[in-house]
Amino acid sequence: MFTAALIIQVIGLAIVFGMICYTLAQKPSVPSRNILVILICTGIALLGYLFEMEATTMETAVLAVKIGYLGKPFLLLATFYFVARYSKIKTPRWLFWILCSLCIVFLGIIYTNNYHHLYYAEVRYEEGFGGHYWTTSTKGPLYWVYVAMNVGYFIANLVMSIFATKKAISKKEKRILFYMYALIAVGVLGYIIYLTGITNGYDTTILGLLLDTIIMSLLFWRYSLFDALALAKDMALDIYSNALVILDSADTVIFINKTAKELFPGIKEGSLRKLTDEERRKVGDLYYYGDKIYRFNLRAIEQNGNSYGTIIEFRDVTNDVNYNKRLNEAVEQRTKEIKNIQRQVVYGFANMVEARDQETGDHIKNTSKYVKMIAEALSKQDKYKGVLTEAIMAIYEDVAPLHDVGKIVIPDAILLKPGRLTPEEFEIMKTHTTSGAKFIDDNLADVETKEYLELARNIALHHHERYDGNGYPTKLKGEDIPLEARIMAVADVYDALTSKRPYKEAFSLEKAKSIMLEGRGTQFDPEILDIFFEIIDKEQNIFSSK
């Protein structure tokens, strides 16, 4: 058994020496320096115990123990900072100096134990494990303080590892943490076994150090923890301003950088569907999360025609989107202002026409109101559902005042003539429909939508068409006449009949109704005319002042 223990010590030293050489060959970094300290301290502890096993005198055995203690306290300190660094826990600088000072103090106490016996009350050289001689001792009070410090390190490392586990997302992080827990468990187990004294003098804490060294070597070589290039890549991904998630071929999260963890704190290993359905709101290709806006980008990880997974990137475009939104809003606002100015100009011409025609401004208001009433009533019928929408009816009301805008080009002698027009004069009067359509094309084409322009033009051009095809200017018949023009025809004639003019008095509702019903099916669309008078009959009190 002694020979086996001796071989284990030699193998352990060889492994540690090989790892020290490998670490020194890497480009220097803070993690690699931390690991180098751990390896050197482990090597010193193993070397000291090897000398103790081979000691033939009391003096050489005690010296070997002291050599071992050159590494043990600092090994615990370096391991503590290794776990803290991996767990991304910041420790204050003053804590390092306090812990480092404690290591030096204990080292000084051990090296001066011959004078005070505070650490070892008594040291003996007795036959023990395997027939060889070992140093045994009666522990002093400071020895148990040192044990308590070690227990404190173990507890701190466990707490930090648990903290790191809660934040771990990818499989790689979880596997590394498995090794970390194994390191802690082996160290604690070796210490407990040694304190029980069941090994007949063999220090199992040293065996624990050896096993920890093997575990650490596997951890380092498998995950390149002290590879400066690998560390630089991990750091670059972590400080990358965009959120980055990497999935394997089974849609399992294998990496998520710091930005993504902050963006999606609830994401765990699983499918992307959970992330996209529960953690964010999608609008087009934009993803809204809190007060931030991200653009989603997905790239396949492929090589030689094989798919290995997916890279998902969330790029913060909050400023760009908000700037574009503000810019679009400003442009939209300016466009509205231009439209309003243009409309006011056009409506100003319409009012001028009414003034020239010696009509009051009420004609424009009334005809718009009647058009709206008819359209709303028609929209409730199955025939017109989906045709007369709220938006379309709003445009009807908006463009109704433009039906006679073409009269602006009609000479006063014809427009204001109190008597009947001659056939020649009437032909000129009829041109107000085509002139009105041209006026709308010239003044609204660049600022209004195609739909708005078409409805306005139809009302101006076709509101004098007749249902029997004998109207003007294009002699359209029946439902070939645009719906808006058929509605306008009814509203225009009704208001003309029931309004007072310089050349006539206002007709009563009954008289106007009688006159218009004579044109049912010839001048007017019968369906529209009937619906209009149904409304008028119900709302006579509104128009009784006429």
Protein backbone atom coordinates (compact mmCIF):
# COMPACT_ATOMS: atom_id res chain seq x y z
CA MET A 1 0.00 0.00 0.00
CA PHE A 2 2.85 2.33 0.81
CA THR A 3 4.37 1.72 -2.61
CA ALA A 4 1.05 2.48 -4.27
CA ALA A 5 0.73 5.72 -2.31
CA LEU A 6 4.28 6.63 -3.29
CA ILE A 7 3.52 5.96 -6.97
CA ILE A 8 0.40 8.11 -6.72
CA GLN A 9 2.48 11.00 -5.37
CA VAL A 10 5.01 10.69 -8.19
CA ILE A 11 2.28 10.50 -10.84
CA GLY A 12 0.57 13.51 -9.30
CA LEU A 13 3.79 15.53 -9.42
CA ALA A 14 4.34 14.53 -13.05
CA ILE A 15 0.81 15.64 -13.99
CA VAL A 16 1.19 18.94 -12.15
CA PHE A 17 4.59 19.60 -13.74
CA GLY A 18 3.18 18.87 -17.20
CA MET A 19 0.27 21.24 -16.61
CA ILE A 20 2.60 23.97 -15.34
CA CYS A 21 4.70 23.68 -18.52
CA TYR A 22 1.58 23.74 -20.69
CA THR A 23 0.19 26.79 -18.88
CA LEU A 24 3.49 28.67 -19.19
CA ALA A 25 3.42 28.02 -22.94
CA GLN A 26 0.11 29.88 -23.28
CA LYS A 27 -0.19 33.62 -23.78
CA PRO A 28 -0.39 35.20 -20.33
CA SER A 29 -3.76 36.26 -18.93
CA VAL A 30 -5.32 36.81 -15.51
CA PRO A 31 -7.07 33.37 -15.52
CA SER A 32 -3.87 31.60 -16.64
CA ARG A 33 -1.89 33.27 -13.85
CA ASN A 34 -4.54 32.18 -11.35
CA ILE A 35 -4.33 28.61 -12.61
CA LEU A 36 -0.52 28.72 -12.55
CA VAL A 37 -0.61 29.67 -8.84
CA ILE A 38 -2.98 26.74 -8.15
CA LEU A 39 -0.69 24.30 -9.96
CA ILE A 40 2.49 25.53 -8.27
CA CYS A 41 0.90 25.40 -4.82
CA THR A 42 -0.44 21.90 -5.57
CA GLY A 43 3.01 20.80 -6.71
CA ILE A 44 4.65 22.15 -3.55
CA ALA A 45 2.08 20.38 -1.33
CA LEU A 46 2.58 17.08 -3.20
CA LEU A 47 6.36 17.43 -3.11
CA GLY A 48 6.35 18.16 0.64
CA TYR A 49 4.25 15.09 1.36
CA LEU A 50 6.50 12.96 -0.87
CA PHE A 51 9.51 14.09 1.18
CA GLU A 52 7.60 13.35 4.38
CA MET A 53 6.85 9.81 3.17
CA GLU A 54 10.54 9.22 2.43
CA ALA A 55 11.87 10.91 5.60
CA THR A 56 14.11 8.76 7.81
CA THR A 57 14.55 11.20 10.66
CA MET A 58 12.36 13.41 12.77
CA GLU A 59 14.06 16.55 11.48
CA THR A 60 13.60 15.75 7.77
CA ALA A 61 9.97 14.75 8.37
CA VAL A 62 9.20 18.08 10.11
CA LEU A 63 11.00 19.96 7.33
CA ALA A 64 8.90 18.10 4.73
CA VAL A 65 5.70 19.11 6.56
CA LYS A 66 6.81 22.73 6.49
CA ILE A 67 7.53 22.50 2.76
CA GLY A 68 4.03 21.15 2.19
CA TYR A 69 2.55 24.10 4.07
CA LEU A 70 4.27 26.51 1.69
CA GLY A 71 1.60 25.49 -0.80
CA LYS A 72 -1.51 24.48 1.14
CA PRO A 73 -2.80 27.86 2.45
CA PHE A 74 -2.13 29.66 -0.85
CA LEU A 75 -3.68 26.79 -2.80
CA LEU A 76 -6.98 27.30 -0.97
CA LEU A 77 -6.78 31.06 -1.60
CA ALA A 78 -6.04 30.64 -5.33
CA THR A 79 -8.84 28.07 -5.72
CA PHE A 80 -11.27 30.47 -4.03
CA TYR A 81 -10.42 33.22 -6.53
CA PHE A 82 -10.60 30.78 -9.44
CA VAL A 83 -14.18 29.81 -8.49
CA ALA A 84 -15.09 33.46 -7.86
CA ARG A 85 -13.75 34.50 -11.25
CA TYR A 86 -15.60 31.74 -13.09
CA SER A 87 -18.82 32.54 -11.20
CA LYS A 88 -18.38 36.20 -12.24
CA ILE A 89 -18.44 37.37 -8.62
CA LYS A 90 -16.40 40.49 -7.95
CA THR A 91 -14.42 40.43 -4.72
CA PRO A 92 -13.06 43.61 -3.10
CA ARG A 93 -9.32 44.15 -3.18
CA TRP A 94 -9.15 44.48 0.60
CA LEU A 95 -10.51 40.91 0.96
CA PHE A 96 -7.58 39.57 -1.08
CA TRP A 97 -5.02 41.30 1.15
CA ILE A 98 -6.75 40.07 4.32
CA LEU A 99 -6.84 36.45 3.09
CA CYS A 100 -3.28 36.66 1.79
CA SER A 101 -2.14 38.06 5.16
CA LEU A 102 -3.87 35.17 6.96
CA CYS A 103 -1.94 32.68 4.79
CA ILE A 104 1.34 34.38 5.68
CA VAL A 105 0.42 34.48 9.38
CA PHE A 106 -0.39 30.75 9.45
CA LEU A 107 2.80 29.99 7.54
CA GLY A 108 4.79 31.98 10.09
CA ILE A 109 3.06 30.19 13.00
CA ILE A 110 3.82 26.78 11.49
CA TYR A 111 7.47 27.64 10.84
CA THR A 112 7.93 28.93 14.42
CA ASN A 113 5.98 26.11 16.07
CA ASN A 114 9.12 24.97 17.98
CA TYR A 115 8.86 28.11 20.10
CA HIS A 116 5.15 28.29 20.98
CA HIS A 117 3.33 25.04 20.05
CA LEU A 118 0.19 27.00 19.09
CA TYR A 119 -0.33 25.06 15.88
CA TYR A 120 1.06 21.65 16.90
CA ALA A 121 1.13 21.09 20.64
CA GLU A 122 3.36 18.01 20.10
CA VAL A 123 4.99 16.39 17.08
CA ARG A 124 5.91 12.67 17.10
CA TYR A 125 7.59 10.34 14.66
CA GLU A 126 5.81 6.98 14.81
CA GLU A 127 5.45 3.83 12.78
CA GLY A 128 2.24 3.91 10.83
CA PHE A 129 0.90 3.35 7.31
CA GLY A 130 2.63 0.47 5.49
CA GLY A 131 5.27 -0.04 8.20
CA HIS A 132 6.90 3.30 7.44
CA TYR A 133 7.28 6.15 9.90
CA TRP A 134 5.01 9.22 9.85
CA THR A 135 4.81 12.44 11.76
CA THR A 136 1.80 12.57 14.03
CA SER A 137 0.81 15.42 16.28
CA THR A 138 -1.41 16.73 18.99
CA LYS A 139 -3.29 19.69 17.52
CA GLY A 140 -3.04 23.11 19.08
CA PRO A 141 -5.77 25.81 19.11
CA LEU A 142 -4.61 27.57 15.93
CA TYR A 143 -4.72 24.29 14.03
CA TRP A 144 -8.49 24.24 14.49
CA VAL A 145 -8.65 27.89 13.40
CA TYR A 146 -6.87 26.82 10.22
CA VAL A 147 -9.38 23.97 9.79
CA ALA A 148 -12.22 26.47 10.23
CA MET A 149 -10.66 28.70 7.57
CA ASN A 150 -10.53 25.73 5.20
CA VAL A 151 -14.18 24.93 5.91
CA GLY A 152 -14.98 28.58 5.19
CA TYR A 153 -13.27 28.30 1.80
CA PHE A 154 -15.19 25.15 0.98
CA ILE A 155 -18.51 26.76 1.92
CA ALA A 156 -17.69 29.93 -0.06
CA ASN A 157 -16.75 27.90 -3.14
CA LEU A 158 -19.98 25.90 -2.86
CA VAL A 159 -22.11 29.05 -2.52
CA MET A 160 -20.43 30.68 -5.52
CA SER A 161 -20.87 27.53 -7.60
CA ILE A 162 -24.57 27.41 -6.71
CA PHE A 163 -24.85 31.08 -7.70
CA ALA A 164 -23.19 30.29 -11.04
CA THR A 165 -25.52 27.32 -11.53
CA LYS A 166 -28.59 29.56 -11.26
CA LYS A 167 -27.21 31.76 -14.03
CA ALA A 168 -25.97 28.89 -16.20
CA ILE A 169 -27.84 28.58 -19.49
CA SER A 170 -25.80 26.55 -21.92
CA LYS A 171 -24.75 22.91 -21.71
CA LYS A 172 -21.11 23.99 -21.67
CA GLU A 173 -21.62 26.12 -18.58
CA LYS A 174 -23.44 23.30 -16.80
CA ARG A 175 -20.76 20.75 -17.64
CA ILE A 176 -18.03 23.04 -16.37
CA LEU A 177 -19.99 23.50 -13.15
CA PHE A 178 -20.13 19.72 -12.80
CA TYR A 179 -16.34 19.70 -12.71
CA MET A 180 -16.37 22.55 -10.20
CA TYR A 181 -18.66 20.64 -7.86
CA ALA A 182 -16.44 17.58 -8.26
CA LEU A 183 -13.39 19.67 -7.27
CA ILE A 184 -15.15 20.88 -4.11
CA ALA A 185 -16.57 17.46 -3.22
CA VAL A 186 -13.23 15.64 -3.58
CA GLY A 187 -11.42 18.24 -1.48
CA VAL A 188 -14.02 18.14 1.28
CA LEU A 189 -14.15 14.32 1.28
CA GLY A 190 -10.36 14.00 1.52
CA TYR A 191 -10.30 16.46 4.42
CA ILE A 192 -13.09 14.70 6.32
CA ILE A 193 -11.48 11.27 5.93
CA TYR A 194 -8.15 12.62 7.17
CA LEU A 195 -9.73 14.22 10.26
CA THR A 196 -11.39 10.93 11.22
CA GLY A 197 -7.97 9.26 11.51
CA ILE A 198 -9.14 6.02 9.89
CA THR A 199 -6.30 5.98 7.33
CA ASN A 200 -3.65 5.12 9.93
CA GLY A 201 -1.62 8.26 9.29
CA TYR A 202 -2.03 8.63 5.53
CA ASP A 203 -3.03 12.20 4.69
CA THR A 204 -6.02 11.84 2.35
CA THR A 205 -6.12 15.61 1.81
CA ILE A 206 -3.07 15.07 -0.38
CA LEU A 207 -4.92 12.36 -2.32
CA GLY A 208 -7.78 14.85 -2.67
CA LEU A 209 -5.33 17.40 -4.07
CA LEU A 210 -4.09 14.84 -6.58
CA LEU A 211 -7.61 13.94 -7.70
CA ASP A 212 -8.48 17.64 -7.91
CA THR A 213 -5.42 18.14 -10.11
CA ILE A 214 -6.61 15.40 -12.47
CA ILE A 215 -10.15 16.85 -12.55
CA MET A 216 -8.75 20.31 -13.18
CA SER A 217 -6.54 19.06 -16.01
CA LEU A 218 -9.56 17.44 -17.69
CA LEU A 219 -11.52 20.65 -17.20
CA PHE A 220 -8.74 22.79 -18.67
CA TRP A 221 -7.96 20.61 -21.65
CA ARG A 222 -11.57 19.93 -22.57
CA TYR A 223 -12.81 23.53 -22.29
CA SER A 224 -9.55 25.46 -22.86
CA LEU A 225 -10.12 27.52 -19.73
CA PHE A 226 -6.61 28.93 -19.78
CA ASP A 227 -6.42 29.29 -23.57
CA ALA A 228 -5.98 33.02 -24.11
CA LEU A 229 -7.57 32.87 -27.56
CA ALA A 230 -10.59 30.92 -26.28
CA LEU A 231 -10.93 33.35 -23.37
CA ALA A 232 -10.71 36.27 -25.77
CA LYS A 233 -13.45 34.76 -27.95
CA ASP A 234 -15.71 34.18 -24.95
CA MET A 235 -15.06 37.71 -23.73
CA ALA A 236 -15.74 39.17 -27.19
CA LEU A 237 -19.07 37.34 -27.34
CA ASP A 238 -19.94 38.45 -23.81
CA ILE A 239 -19.21 42.14 -24.41
CA TYR A 240 -20.86 42.04 -27.85
CA SER A 241 -23.53 44.73 -27.75
CA ASN A 242 -26.12 42.58 -29.52
CA ALA A 243 -27.97 39.74 -27.82
CA LEU A 244 -26.62 36.43 -29.10
CA VAL A 245 -28.14 32.96 -28.67
CA ILE A 246 -26.63 29.80 -30.17
CA LEU A 247 -28.72 26.65 -30.62
CA ASP A 248 -27.64 23.16 -31.58
CA SER A 249 -29.39 21.09 -34.26
CA ALA A 250 -32.10 20.10 -31.73
CA ASP A 251 -32.94 23.79 -31.03
CA THR A 252 -31.37 23.54 -27.58
CA VAL A 253 -29.60 26.62 -26.21
CA ILE A 254 -25.87 25.88 -25.97
CA PHE A 255 -24.65 29.46 -25.55
CA ILE A 256 -26.18 32.78 -24.57
CA ASN A 257 -24.06 35.89 -24.11
CA LYS A 258 -24.29 38.48 -21.34
CA THR A 259 -26.46 40.88 -23.35
CA ALA A 260 -28.95 38.11 -24.17
CA LYS A 261 -29.08 37.04 -20.51
CA GLU A 262 -29.99 40.60 -19.53
CA LEU A 263 -32.53 40.84 -22.34
CA PHE A 264 -34.15 37.47 -21.60
CA PRO A 265 -33.50 36.75 -17.91
CA GLY A 266 -36.02 33.90 -17.90
CA ILE A 267 -34.57 31.92 -20.78
CA LYS A 268 -33.43 28.42 -19.91
CA GLU A 269 -32.17 25.51 -21.94
CA GLY A 270 -34.96 24.66 -24.34
CA SER A 271 -36.47 25.55 -27.69
CA LEU A 272 -36.41 28.97 -29.26
CA ARG A 273 -40.19 28.89 -29.44
CA LYS A 274 -40.42 29.64 -25.72
CA LEU A 275 -38.16 32.62 -26.17
CA THR A 276 -40.02 34.09 -29.11
CA ASP A 277 -43.56 33.39 -27.87
CA GLU A 278 -43.27 34.31 -24.21
CA GLU A 279 -40.42 36.78 -23.88
CA ARG A 280 -41.13 39.32 -26.60
CA ARG A 281 -43.69 40.94 -28.87
CA LYS A 282 -43.22 40.66 -32.64
CA VAL A 283 -44.22 43.40 -35.09
CA GLY A 284 -42.98 42.56 -38.56
CA ASP A 285 -39.29 41.77 -38.23
CA LEU A 286 -38.97 43.91 -35.08
CA TYR A 287 -39.10 42.58 -31.52
CA TYR A 288 -40.26 44.83 -28.71
CA TYR A 289 -38.99 44.11 -25.19
CA GLY A 290 -39.65 46.73 -22.52
CA ASP A 291 -38.60 50.10 -23.93
CA LYS A 292 -36.15 48.51 -26.37
CA ILE A 293 -36.66 47.50 -29.99
CA TYR A 294 -34.61 44.69 -31.54
CA ARG A 295 -34.25 43.41 -35.09
CA PHE A 296 -34.24 39.62 -35.26
CA ASN A 297 -31.61 37.89 -37.39
CA LEU A 298 -31.17 34.13 -37.79
CA ARG A 299 -28.18 32.34 -39.38
CA ALA A 300 -27.67 28.63 -39.90
CA ILE A 301 -24.38 27.05 -38.74
CA GLU A 302 -23.38 24.96 -41.73
CA GLN A 303 -20.24 23.29 -42.99
CA ASN A 304 -19.78 20.95 -45.94
CA GLY A 305 -23.51 20.85 -46.46
CA ASN A 306 -24.25 19.74 -42.90
CA SER A 307 -26.32 21.78 -40.44
CA TYR A 308 -25.01 22.03 -36.88
CA GLY A 309 -27.32 24.60 -35.36
CA THR A 310 -28.44 28.20 -35.49
CA ILE A 311 -27.10 31.60 -34.45
CA ILE A 312 -29.81 34.01 -33.36
CA GLU A 313 -28.99 37.67 -32.99
CA PHE A 314 -31.11 40.45 -31.53
CA ARG A 315 -29.70 43.79 -32.70
CA ASP A 316 -30.75 46.87 -30.75
CA VAL A 317 -32.32 49.25 -33.27
CA THR A 318 -34.23 51.39 -30.77
CA ASN A 319 -32.53 54.64 -31.76
CA ASP A 320 -32.81 53.93 -35.49
CA VAL A 321 -36.48 52.99 -35.29
CA ASN A 322 -37.35 55.93 -33.06
CA TYR A 323 -35.45 58.31 -35.35
CA ASN A 324 -37.18 56.92 -38.44
CA LYS A 325 -40.49 57.02 -36.60
CA ARG A 326 -39.96 60.67 -35.67
CA LEU A 327 -38.85 61.43 -39.22
CA ASN A 328 -41.89 59.64 -40.69
CA GLU A 329 -44.18 61.41 -38.25
CA ALA A 330 -42.65 64.76 -39.23
CA VAL A 331 -43.04 63.95 -42.93
CA GLU A 332 -46.58 62.72 -42.35
CA GLN A 333 -47.43 65.85 -40.39
CA ARG A 334 -45.96 68.05 -43.09
CA THR A 335 -47.84 66.11 -45.77
CA LYS A 336 -51.07 66.60 -43.81
CA GLU A 337 -50.37 70.31 -43.59
CA ILE A 338 -49.76 70.49 -47.34
CA LYS A 339 -52.93 68.49 -47.98
CA ASN A 340 -54.93 70.77 -45.70
CA ILE A 341 -53.55 73.87 -47.42
CA GLN A 342 -54.33 72.40 -50.83
CA ARG A 343 -57.80 71.37 -49.74
CA GLN A 344 -58.48 74.80 -48.28
CA VAL A 345 -57.47 76.36 -51.58
CA VAL A 346 -59.75 74.00 -53.51
CA TYR A 347 -62.63 74.44 -51.06
CA GLY A 348 -62.03 78.18 -51.27
CA PHE A 349 -62.69 77.96 -54.99
CA ALA A 350 -65.83 75.94 -54.26
CA ASN A 351 -67.05 78.66 -51.91
CA MET A 352 -66.24 81.31 -54.51
CA VAL A 353 -68.40 79.40 -56.98
CA GLU A 354 -71.28 79.36 -54.51
CA ALA A 355 -70.85 83.08 -53.93
CA ARG A 356 -70.78 83.80 -57.67
CA ASP A 357 -73.89 81.68 -58.12
CA GLN A 358 -75.57 83.84 -55.44
CA GLU A 359 -76.05 80.79 -53.25
CA THR A 360 -75.31 80.72 -49.56
CA GLY A 361 -72.53 78.65 -47.97
CA ASP A 362 -75.29 76.44 -46.57
CA HIS A 363 -75.52 74.59 -49.90
CA ILE A 364 -72.06 73.08 -49.42
CA LYS A 365 -72.82 72.15 -45.81
CA ASN A 366 -76.24 70.70 -46.61
CA THR A 367 -75.18 68.60 -49.58
CA SER A 368 -72.26 67.15 -47.57
CA LYS A 369 -74.66 66.29 -44.78
CA TYR A 370 -77.18 64.63 -47.11
CA VAL A 371 -74.47 62.62 -48.87
CA LYS A 372 -73.24 61.34 -45.51
CA MET A 373 -76.80 60.39 -44.39
CA ILE A 374 -77.52 58.48 -47.59
CA ALA A 375 -74.17 56.66 -47.53
CA GLU A 376 -74.63 55.59 -43.92
CA ALA A 377 -78.11 54.24 -44.64
CA LEU A 378 -76.90 52.33 -47.71
CA SER A 379 -73.93 50.86 -45.80
CA LYS A 380 -76.34 48.91 -43.59
CA GLN A 381 -77.64 46.95 -46.59
CA ASP A 382 -75.97 43.68 -47.58
CA LYS A 383 -75.43 44.98 -51.10
CA TYR A 384 -73.09 47.72 -49.93
CA LYS A 385 -71.35 46.07 -46.97
CA GLY A 386 -67.65 46.13 -47.63
CA VAL A 387 -68.14 48.85 -50.25
CA LEU A 388 -69.28 51.75 -48.11
CA THR A 389 -66.70 51.52 -45.34
CA GLU A 390 -66.16 54.20 -42.70
CA ALA A 391 -63.12 55.46 -44.61
CA ILE A 392 -65.02 55.67 -47.92
CA MET A 393 -67.99 57.45 -46.35
CA ALA A 394 -65.64 59.97 -44.75
CA ILE A 395 -64.19 60.72 -48.19
CA TYR A 396 -67.73 61.10 -49.63
CA GLU A 397 -68.48 63.76 -47.04
CA ASP A 398 -65.12 65.41 -47.70
CA VAL A 399 -65.42 65.68 -51.50
CA ALA A 400 -69.12 66.52 -51.77
CA PRO A 401 -68.42 70.31 -51.62
CA LEU A 402 -66.37 69.98 -54.83
CA HIS A 403 -69.27 68.86 -57.05
CA ASP A 404 -69.75 72.31 -58.66
CA VAL A 405 -66.16 73.58 -58.48
CA GLY A 406 -66.04 73.60 -62.29
CA LYS A 407 -68.49 76.52 -62.36
CA ILE A 408 -65.54 78.80 -61.66
CA VAL A 409 -64.82 78.88 -65.41
CA ILE A 410 -68.43 79.62 -66.40
CA PRO A 411 -68.95 83.32 -67.42
CA ASP A 412 -71.08 85.42 -65.07
CA ALA A 413 -73.50 86.20 -67.89
CA ILE A 414 -74.44 82.54 -68.03
CA LEU A 415 -73.93 81.55 -64.40
CA LEU A 416 -75.95 84.48 -63.02
CA LYS A 417 -78.61 84.68 -65.74
CA PRO A 418 -82.00 84.84 -63.95
CA GLY A 419 -84.00 83.34 -66.79
CA ARG A 420 -83.87 80.17 -68.84
CA LEU A 421 -80.59 79.51 -70.64
CA THR A 422 -80.46 79.22 -74.40
CA PRO A 423 -79.34 75.87 -75.86
CA GLU A 424 -75.93 77.36 -76.57
CA GLU A 425 -75.63 78.76 -73.05
CA PHE A 426 -76.72 75.45 -71.56
CA GLU A 427 -73.99 73.65 -73.50
CA ILE A 428 -71.47 76.01 -71.96
CA MET A 429 -73.03 75.47 -68.51
CA LYS A 430 -72.70 71.71 -68.91
CA THR A 431 -68.93 72.07 -69.26
CA HIS A 432 -68.67 72.78 -65.54
CA THR A 433 -68.63 69.01 -64.98
CA THR A 434 -65.57 68.36 -67.16
CA SER A 435 -63.93 71.58 -65.97
CA GLY A 436 -64.51 70.49 -62.38
CA ALA A 437 -62.91 67.09 -63.03
CA LYS A 438 -59.88 68.76 -64.65
CA PHE A 439 -59.62 71.28 -61.83
CA ILE A 440 -59.49 68.42 -59.28
CA ASP A 441 -56.90 66.54 -61.33
CA ASP A 442 -54.71 69.63 -61.59
CA ASN A 443 -54.91 70.65 -57.95
CA LEU A 444 -55.28 67.42 -55.92
CA ALA A 445 -53.40 64.79 -57.91
CA ASP A 446 -50.05 65.37 -56.15
CA VAL A 447 -51.33 65.56 -52.57
CA GLU A 448 -54.26 63.16 -52.27
CA THR A 449 -54.56 59.38 -52.45
CA LYS A 450 -55.69 57.72 -55.66
CA GLU A 451 -58.96 56.71 -54.00
CA TYR A 452 -59.71 60.23 -52.74
CA LEU A 453 -58.93 61.73 -56.15
CA GLU A 454 -61.14 59.22 -57.99
CA LEU A 455 -64.17 59.83 -55.74
CA ALA A 456 -63.79 63.61 -55.93
CA ARG A 457 -63.44 63.46 -59.71
CA ASN A 458 -66.47 61.18 -60.14
CA ILE A 459 -68.69 63.48 -58.10
CA ALA A 460 -67.63 66.56 -60.07
CA LEU A 461 -67.86 64.86 -63.45
CA HIS A 462 -70.95 62.67 -63.13
CA HIS A 463 -73.36 64.32 -60.67
CA HIS A 464 -75.56 65.46 -63.63
CA GLU A 465 -75.80 62.01 -65.23
CA ARG A 466 -79.33 60.59 -65.32
CA TYR A 467 -80.34 57.08 -64.35
CA ASP A 468 -82.02 56.62 -67.76
CA GLY A 469 -78.82 57.60 -69.60
CA ASN A 470 -79.99 61.03 -70.78
CA GLY A 471 -77.72 63.07 -68.52
CA TYR A 472 -74.35 64.68 -69.18
CA PRO A 473 -71.45 64.80 -69.89
CA THR A 474 -70.95 61.05 -70.72
CA LYS A 475 -74.56 59.77 -70.78
CA LEU A 476 -73.82 56.93 -68.37
CA LYS A 477 -76.84 54.83 -67.45
CA GLY A 478 -78.07 53.03 -64.32
CA GLU A 479 -75.39 51.55 -62.09
CA ASP A 480 -72.70 52.43 -64.62
CA ILE A 481 -72.90 55.84 -62.99
CA PRO A 482 -70.52 55.82 -60.01
CA LEU A 483 -72.35 55.31 -56.71
CA GLU A 484 -70.99 58.53 -55.25
CA ALA A 485 -72.31 60.52 -58.23
CA ARG A 486 -75.78 58.94 -57.92
CA ILE A 487 -75.89 59.89 -54.25
CA MET A 488 -74.62 63.39 -55.01
CA ALA A 489 -77.34 63.89 -57.65
CA VAL A 490 -80.10 63.28 -55.09
CA ALA A 491 -78.50 65.49 -52.42
CA ASP A 492 -77.75 68.33 -54.87
CA VAL A 493 -81.24 68.53 -56.39
CA TYR A 494 -83.01 68.23 -53.04
CA ASP A 495 -81.03 71.10 -51.53
CA ALA A 496 -81.51 73.21 -54.66
CA LEU A 497 -85.29 72.71 -54.48
CA THR A 498 -85.64 73.34 -50.74
CA SER A 499 -83.28 76.33 -50.59
CA LYS A 500 -84.15 79.96 -51.27
CA ARG A 501 -82.49 81.59 -54.27
CA PRO A 502 -82.64 85.17 -55.57
CA TYR A 503 -84.72 83.90 -58.47
CA LYS A 504 -87.07 81.62 -56.46
CA GLU A 505 -88.48 80.79 -53.07
CA ALA A 506 -87.69 77.56 -51.24
CA PHE A 507 -90.04 74.68 -52.01
CA SER A 508 -91.66 72.78 -49.20
CA LEU A 509 -90.51 69.26 -48.37
CA GLU A 510 -93.69 67.83 -49.89
CA LYS A 511 -93.31 69.87 -53.11
CA ALA A 512 -89.62 68.92 -53.44
CA LYS A 513 -90.45 65.29 -52.78
CA SER A 514 -93.22 65.33 -55.37
CA ILE A 515 -90.94 66.85 -58.02
CA MET A 516 -88.11 64.41 -57.34
CA LEU A 517 -90.38 61.34 -57.28
CA GLU A 518 -91.39 62.21 -60.83
CA GLY A 519 -87.78 61.55 -61.74
CA ARG A 520 -87.60 58.21 -59.89
CA GLY A 521 -85.97 55.66 -62.18
CA THR A 522 -85.38 58.27 -64.89
CA GLN A 523 -83.30 61.05 -63.34
CA PHE A 524 -82.52 59.39 -60.00
CA ASP A 525 -81.51 55.94 -58.79
CA PRO A 526 -84.84 54.69 -57.33
CA GLU A 527 -83.17 52.82 -54.46
CA ILE A 528 -81.17 55.85 -53.36
CA LEU A 529 -84.15 58.20 -53.75
CA ASP A 530 -86.42 55.94 -51.67
CA ILE A 531 -83.84 55.58 -48.89
CA PHE A 532 -83.27 59.34 -48.85
CA PHE A 533 -86.94 60.18 -48.38
CA GLU A 534 -87.28 57.50 -45.71
CA ILE A 535 -84.58 59.38 -43.80
CA ILE A 536 -86.23 62.75 -44.49
CA ASP A 537 -89.64 61.51 -43.34
CA LYS A 538 -88.12 60.30 -40.06
CA GLU A 539 -86.12 63.45 -39.50
CA GLN A 540 -88.59 66.12 -40.66
CA ASN A 541 -88.10 68.03 -37.47
CA ILE A 542 -84.48 68.60 -38.39
CA PHE A 543 -85.35 70.14 -41.76
CA SER A 544 -88.65 71.80 -40.88
CA SER A 545 -86.98 75.20 -41.01
CA LYS A 546 -86.59 74.96 -44.77
